[in-house]
PDB file of N, CA and C in Angstrom:
ATOM      1  N   UNK A   1      28.014 -14.887  -5.361  1.00  0.00           N
ATOM      2  CA  UNK A   1      27.135 -16.058  -5.446  1.00  0.00           C
ATOM      3  C   UNK A   1      25.697 -15.594  -5.641  1.00  0.00           C
ATOM      4  N   UNK A   2      25.090 -16.066  -6.702  1.00  0.00           N
ATOM      5  CA  UNK A   2      23.726 -15.642  -7.015  1.00  0.00           C
ATOM      6  C   UNK A   2      22.763 -16.757  -6.635  1.00  0.00           C
ATOM      7  N   UNK A   3      22.009 -16.549  -5.559  1.00  0.00           N
ATOM      8  CA  UNK A   3      21.103 -17.587  -5.070  1.00  0.00           C
ATOM      9  C   UNK A   3      19.861 -17.719  -5.934  1.00  0.00           C
ATOM     10  N   UNK A   4      19.509 -16.624  -6.636  1.00  0.00           N
ATOM     11  CA  UNK A   4      18.278 -16.635  -7.423  1.00  0.00           C
ATOM     12  C   UNK A   4      18.498 -17.341  -8.757  1.00  0.00           C
ATOM     13  N   UNK A   5      19.750 -17.311  -9.274  1.00  0.00           N
ATOM     14  CA  UNK A   5      19.995 -17.790 -10.637  1.00  0.00           C
ATOM     15  C   UNK A   5      19.822 -19.297 -10.757  1.00  0.00           C
ATOM     16  N   UNK A   6      20.258 -20.046  -9.749  1.00  0.00           N
ATOM     17  CA  UNK A   6      20.235 -21.503  -9.867  1.00  0.00           C
ATOM     18  C   UNK A   6      19.296 -22.132  -8.854  1.00  0.00           C
ATOM     19  N   UNK A   7      18.488 -23.070  -9.345  1.00  0.00           N
ATOM     20  CA  UNK A   7      17.681 -23.904  -8.459  1.00  0.00           C
ATOM     21  C   UNK A   7      17.685 -25.296  -9.061  1.00  0.00           C
ATOM     22  N   UNK A   8      18.248 -26.250  -8.351  1.00  0.00           N
ATOM     23  CA  UNK A   8      18.387 -27.614  -8.868  1.00  0.00           C
ATOM     24  C   UNK A   8      19.203 -27.626 -10.158  1.00  0.00           C
ATOM     25  N   UNK A   9      20.198 -26.727 -10.250  1.00  0.00           N
ATOM     26  CA  UNK A   9      21.106 -26.733 -11.379  1.00  0.00           C
ATOM     27  C   UNK A   9      20.579 -26.047 -12.620  1.00  0.00           C
ATOM     28  N   UNK A  10      19.427 -25.375 -12.541  1.00  0.00           N
ATOM     29  CA  UNK A  10      18.909 -24.673 -13.719  1.00  0.00           C
ATOM     30  C   UNK A  10      18.419 -23.298 -13.301  1.00  0.00           C
ATOM     31  N   UNK A  11      18.398 -22.355 -14.244  1.00  0.00           N
ATOM     32  CA  UNK A  11      17.927 -21.002 -13.911  1.00  0.00           C
ATOM     33  C   UNK A  11      16.460 -21.014 -13.491  1.00  0.00           C
ATOM     34  N   UNK A  12      16.122 -20.126 -12.573  1.00  0.00           N
ATOM     35  CA  UNK A  12      14.736 -19.988 -12.134  1.00  0.00           C
ATOM     36  C   UNK A  12      13.973 -19.123 -13.138  1.00  0.00           C
ATOM     37  N   UNK A  13      12.818 -19.593 -13.544  1.00  0.00           N
ATOM     38  CA  UNK A  13      11.986 -18.793 -14.448  1.00  0.00           C
ATOM     39  C   UNK A  13      11.319 -17.661 -13.671  1.00  0.00           C
ATOM     40  N   UNK A  14      10.915 -16.638 -14.401  1.00  0.00           N
ATOM     41  CA  UNK A  14      10.280 -15.488 -13.742  1.00  0.00           C
ATOM     42  C   UNK A  14       8.988 -15.907 -13.054  1.00  0.00           C
ATOM     43  N   UNK A  15       8.233 -16.833 -13.678  1.00  0.00           N
ATOM     44  CA  UNK A  15       6.984 -17.285 -13.069  1.00  0.00           C
ATOM     45  C   UNK A  15       7.250 -17.976 -11.733  1.00  0.00           C
ATOM     46  N   UNK A  16       8.312 -18.793 -11.687  1.00  0.00           N
ATOM     47  CA  UNK A  16       8.646 -19.465 -10.429  1.00  0.00           C
ATOM     48  C   UNK A  16       8.997 -18.449  -9.353  1.00  0.00           C
ATOM     49  N   UNK A  17       9.777 -17.430  -9.748  1.00  0.00           N
ATOM     50  CA  UNK A  17      10.188 -16.425  -8.776  1.00  0.00           C
ATOM     51  C   UNK A  17       8.983 -15.645  -8.259  1.00  0.00           C
ATOM     52  N   UNK A  18       8.070 -15.276  -9.152  1.00  0.00           N
ATOM     53  CA  UNK A  18       6.875 -14.539  -8.728  1.00  0.00           C
ATOM     54  C   UNK A  18       6.008 -15.402  -7.816  1.00  0.00           C
ATOM     55  N   UNK A  19       5.898 -16.693  -8.138  1.00  0.00           N
ATOM     56  CA  UNK A  19       5.103 -17.587  -7.294  1.00  0.00           C
ATOM     57  C   UNK A  19       5.713 -17.692  -5.902  1.00  0.00           C
ATOM     58  N   UNK A  20       7.034 -17.831  -5.831  1.00  0.00           N
ATOM     59  CA  UNK A  20       7.698 -17.905  -4.528  1.00  0.00           C
ATOM     60  C   UNK A  20       7.531 -16.599  -3.770  1.00  0.00           C
ATOM     61  N   UNK A  21       7.606 -15.470  -4.480  1.00  0.00           N
ATOM     62  CA  UNK A  21       7.462 -14.173  -3.822  1.00  0.00           C
ATOM     63  C   UNK A  21       6.057 -14.027  -3.241  1.00  0.00           C
ATOM     64  N   UNK A  22       5.033 -14.401  -4.032  1.00  0.00           N
ATOM     65  CA  UNK A  22       3.659 -14.285  -3.538  1.00  0.00           C
ATOM     66  C   UNK A  22       3.430 -15.205  -2.348  1.00  0.00           C
ATOM     67  N   UNK A  23       3.967 -16.420  -2.414  1.00  0.00           N
ATOM     68  CA  UNK A  23       3.818 -17.356  -1.300  1.00  0.00           C
ATOM     69  C   UNK A  23       4.490 -16.807  -0.050  1.00  0.00           C
ATOM     70  N   UNK A  24       5.691 -16.241  -0.216  1.00  0.00           N
ATOM     71  CA  UNK A  24       6.412 -15.676   0.927  1.00  0.00           C
ATOM     72  C   UNK A  24       5.667 -14.515   1.549  1.00  0.00           C
ATOM     73  N   UNK A  25       5.074 -13.653   0.699  1.00  0.00           N
ATOM     74  CA  UNK A  25       4.330 -12.501   1.217  1.00  0.00           C
ATOM     75  C   UNK A  25       3.100 -12.980   1.990  1.00  0.00           C
ATOM     76  N   UNK A  26       2.402 -13.975   1.454  1.00  0.00           N
ATOM     77  CA  UNK A  26       1.220 -14.492   2.152  1.00  0.00           C
ATOM     78  C   UNK A  26       1.601 -15.115   3.487  1.00  0.00           C
ATOM     79  N   UNK A  27       2.698 -15.885   3.504  1.00  0.00           N
ATOM     80  CA  UNK A  27       3.135 -16.499   4.763  1.00  0.00           C
ATOM     81  C   UNK A  27       3.527 -15.434   5.772  1.00  0.00           C
ATOM     82  N   UNK A  28       4.258 -14.411   5.320  1.00  0.00           N
ATOM     83  CA  UNK A  28       4.688 -13.352   6.236  1.00  0.00           C
ATOM     84  C   UNK A  28       3.475 -12.610   6.794  1.00  0.00           C
ATOM     85  N   UNK A  29       2.481 -12.339   5.941  1.00  0.00           N
ATOM     86  CA  UNK A  29       1.280 -11.645   6.401  1.00  0.00           C
ATOM     87  C   UNK A  29       0.517 -12.486   7.420  1.00  0.00           C
ATOM     88  N   UNK A  30       0.411 -13.783   7.160  1.00  0.00           N
ATOM     89  CA  UNK A  30      -0.300 -14.659   8.091  1.00  0.00           C
ATOM     90  C   UNK A  30       0.417 -14.718   9.435  1.00  0.00           C
ATOM     91  N   UNK A  31       1.742 -14.867   9.395  1.00  0.00           N
ATOM     92  CA  UNK A  31       2.509 -14.928  10.648  1.00  0.00           C
ATOM     93  C   UNK A  31       2.381 -13.618  11.409  1.00  0.00           C
ATOM     94  N   UNK A  32       2.475 -12.493  10.703  1.00  0.00           N
ATOM     95  CA  UNK A  32       2.364 -11.191  11.362  1.00  0.00           C
ATOM     96  C   UNK A  32       0.965 -11.011  11.950  1.00  0.00           C
ATOM     97  N   UNK A  33      -0.060 -11.438  11.221  1.00  0.00           N
ATOM     98  CA  UNK A  33      -1.425 -11.302  11.708  1.00  0.00           C
ATOM     99  C   UNK A  33      -1.669 -12.117  12.964  1.00  0.00           C
ATOM    100  N   UNK A  34      -1.277 -13.400  12.920  1.00  0.00           N
ATOM    101  CA  UNK A  34      -1.460 -14.243  14.104  1.00  0.00           C
ATOM    102  C   UNK A  34      -0.617 -13.743  15.261  1.00  0.00           C
ATOM    103  N   UNK A  35       0.623 -13.334  14.974  1.00  0.00           N
ATOM    104  CA  UNK A  35       1.501 -12.833  16.030  1.00  0.00           C
ATOM    105  C   UNK A  35       0.930 -11.593  16.688  1.00  0.00           C
ATOM    106  N   UNK A  36       0.428 -10.661  15.887  1.00  0.00           N
ATOM    107  CA  UNK A  36      -0.158  -9.448  16.443  1.00  0.00           C
ATOM    108  C   UNK A  36      -1.407  -9.745  17.258  1.00  0.00           C
ATOM    109  N   UNK A  37      -2.222 -10.685  16.773  1.00  0.00           N
ATOM    110  CA  UNK A  37      -3.445 -11.045  17.493  1.00  0.00           C
ATOM    111  C   UNK A  37      -3.119 -11.629  18.861  1.00  0.00           C
ATOM    112  N   UNK A  38      -2.196 -12.609  18.894  1.00  0.00           N
ATOM    113  CA  UNK A  38      -1.840 -13.223  20.172  1.00  0.00           C
ATOM    114  C   UNK A  38      -1.146 -12.225  21.082  1.00  0.00           C
ATOM    115  N   UNK A  39      -0.340 -11.317  20.494  1.00  0.00           N
ATOM    116  CA  UNK A  39       0.341 -10.313  21.311  1.00  0.00           C
ATOM    117  C   UNK A  39      -0.691  -9.411  21.989  1.00  0.00           C
ATOM    118  N   UNK A  40      -1.712  -8.993  21.237  1.00  0.00           N
ATOM    119  CA  UNK A  40      -2.754  -8.146  21.827  1.00  0.00           C
ATOM    120  C   UNK A  40      -3.523  -8.899  22.909  1.00  0.00           C
ATOM    121  N   UNK A  41      -3.832 -10.164  22.657  1.00  0.00           N
ATOM    122  CA  UNK A  41      -4.578 -10.955  23.634  1.00  0.00           C
ATOM    123  C   UNK A  41      -3.771 -11.154  24.917  1.00  0.00           C
ATOM    124  N   UNK A  42      -2.452 -11.366  24.792  1.00  0.00           N
ATOM    125  CA  UNK A  42      -1.633 -11.692  25.953  1.00  0.00           C
ATOM    126  C   UNK A  42      -1.157 -10.454  26.703  1.00  0.00           C
ATOM    127  N   UNK A  43      -0.990  -9.336  25.999  1.00  0.00           N
ATOM    128  CA  UNK A  43      -0.390  -8.160  26.635  1.00  0.00           C
ATOM    129  C   UNK A  43      -1.435  -7.130  27.053  1.00  0.00           C
ATOM    130  N   UNK A  44      -2.706  -7.382  26.735  1.00  0.00           N
ATOM    131  CA  UNK A  44      -3.748  -6.424  27.097  1.00  0.00           C
ATOM    132  C   UNK A  44      -3.910  -6.395  28.617  1.00  0.00           C
ATOM    133  N   UNK A  45      -4.103  -5.215  29.173  1.00  0.00           N
ATOM    134  CA  UNK A  45      -4.249  -5.089  30.627  1.00  0.00           C
ATOM    135  C   UNK A  45      -5.513  -5.828  31.079  1.00  0.00           C
ATOM    136  N   UNK A  46      -5.434  -6.589  32.149  1.00  0.00           N
ATOM    137  CA  UNK A  46      -6.607  -7.326  32.641  1.00  0.00           C
ATOM    138  C   UNK A  46      -7.707  -6.373  33.105  1.00  0.00           C
ATOM    139  N   UNK A  47      -8.932  -6.727  32.756  1.00  0.00           N
ATOM    140  CA  UNK A  47     -10.062  -5.890  33.162  1.00  0.00           C
ATOM    141  C   UNK A  47     -10.527  -6.333  34.542  1.00  0.00           C
ATOM    142  N   UNK A  48     -10.497  -5.403  35.467  1.00  0.00           N
ATOM    143  CA  UNK A  48     -10.877  -5.761  36.839  1.00  0.00           C
ATOM    144  C   UNK A  48     -12.195  -5.093  37.212  1.00  0.00           C
TER     145      UNK A  48
END
């Protein structure tokens, strides 16, 4: 089963695939950035 070949019953164009890839990379980077920031804020040793 080829998930990339069909979208709404028609082949995906290369431009569509590249756009989805860029969007996915940006979303993943944003999630990783926010996740790392909150992880550092929450897991940092308290300053006494």
